[in-house]
Protein backbone atom coordinates (compact mmCIF):
# COMPACT_ATOMS: atom_id res chain seq x y z
CA MET A 1 7.22 24.90 2.24
CA THR A 2 10.14 25.65 -0.07
CA GLN A 3 13.18 23.46 0.38
CA THR A 4 16.57 25.15 0.37
CA PHE A 5 19.67 23.51 -1.03
CA ALA A 6 23.39 23.92 -0.49
CA GLU A 7 26.41 23.02 -2.56
CA LEU A 8 27.14 19.28 -2.60
CA ASP A 9 23.58 18.29 -1.64
CA PRO A 10 22.47 15.10 -3.44
CA VAL A 11 19.17 15.80 -5.21
CA GLU A 12 16.58 14.14 -7.41
CA VAL A 13 14.60 15.78 -10.21
CA THR A 14 10.87 15.66 -9.40
CA SER A 15 9.49 16.37 -12.89
CA ASP A 16 10.63 16.07 -16.51
CA GLN A 17 12.64 19.09 -17.67
CA GLU A 18 12.70 20.88 -21.04
CA SER A 19 16.45 20.13 -21.17
CA GLY A 20 15.65 16.42 -21.54
CA LEU A 21 16.28 15.42 -17.93
CA VAL A 22 13.59 13.10 -16.62
CA GLU A 23 11.88 12.72 -13.28
CA GLY A 24 14.03 10.62 -10.97
CA ALA A 25 17.41 11.75 -12.35
CA ARG A 26 19.88 12.18 -9.48
CA GLY A 27 22.79 14.57 -9.26
CA THR A 28 24.74 16.88 -6.99
CA VAL A 29 24.14 20.59 -6.45
CA VAL A 30 27.26 22.52 -7.44
CA ALA A 31 25.88 26.07 -7.22
CA VAL A 32 22.81 27.85 -5.89
CA SER A 33 21.58 31.17 -7.28
CA GLY A 34 18.26 32.33 -5.88
CA ASP A 35 15.59 29.78 -6.75
CA VAL A 36 17.77 27.93 -9.28
CA CYS A 37 20.36 25.22 -8.63
CA THR A 38 23.11 24.12 -10.97
CA VAL A 39 23.18 20.34 -10.71
CA GLU A 40 25.95 18.06 -11.99
CA PHE A 41 25.07 14.59 -13.29
CA LEU A 42 27.72 11.85 -13.52
CA ASP A 43 28.01 8.58 -15.40
CA SER A 44 28.74 5.26 -13.67
CA VAL A 45 32.51 5.88 -13.84
CA GLY A 46 32.29 9.36 -12.33
CA TYR A 47 32.66 11.49 -15.46
CA THR A 48 30.42 14.51 -15.81
CA ILE A 49 27.51 13.96 -18.17
CA GLY A 50 26.28 17.52 -17.86
CA LEU A 51 25.52 20.55 -15.73
CA PHE A 52 21.92 21.75 -15.74
CA GLU A 53 20.19 24.74 -14.16
CA ILE A 54 17.04 23.46 -12.46
CA PRO A 55 14.45 25.40 -10.44
CA SER A 56 14.71 24.37 -6.79
CA GLY A 57 10.98 23.63 -6.84
CA ASP A 58 11.73 20.75 -9.23
CA LEU A 59 14.26 19.14 -6.88
CA GLN A 60 14.14 17.15 -3.69
CA LEU A 61 16.94 16.22 -1.31
CA VAL A 62 17.95 12.54 -1.31
CA GLN A 63 20.09 10.60 1.14
CA HIS A 64 22.14 8.58 -1.33
CA ILE A 65 23.00 8.70 -5.00
CA GLY A 66 23.20 5.22 -6.47
CA ALA A 67 25.69 4.29 -9.15
CA ASN A 68 24.51 3.81 -12.73
CA ALA A 69 21.61 6.24 -12.39
CA SER A 70 20.22 7.21 -15.80
CA ILE A 71 19.32 10.80 -16.59
CA ALA A 72 17.33 10.09 -19.76
CA ARG A 73 14.72 7.68 -20.95
CA GLU A 74 15.79 5.09 -23.49
CA ASP A 75 12.59 5.06 -25.56
């Protein structure tokens, strides 16, 4: 079953992305185009870190976005 998303849905990335985003990163859908969502990721103060196009198959809907969520590993 394919999940559909709408603008302003809180989502979580379900697998590492080529863009550098890692599984577990949480953001907000700002646009939907076919099977791809543009997702905005914010820092702990609310400033935009980046906008990324992510296939909807690599996203899942979440109920709450916690503050201070990291979008990259600190290896």
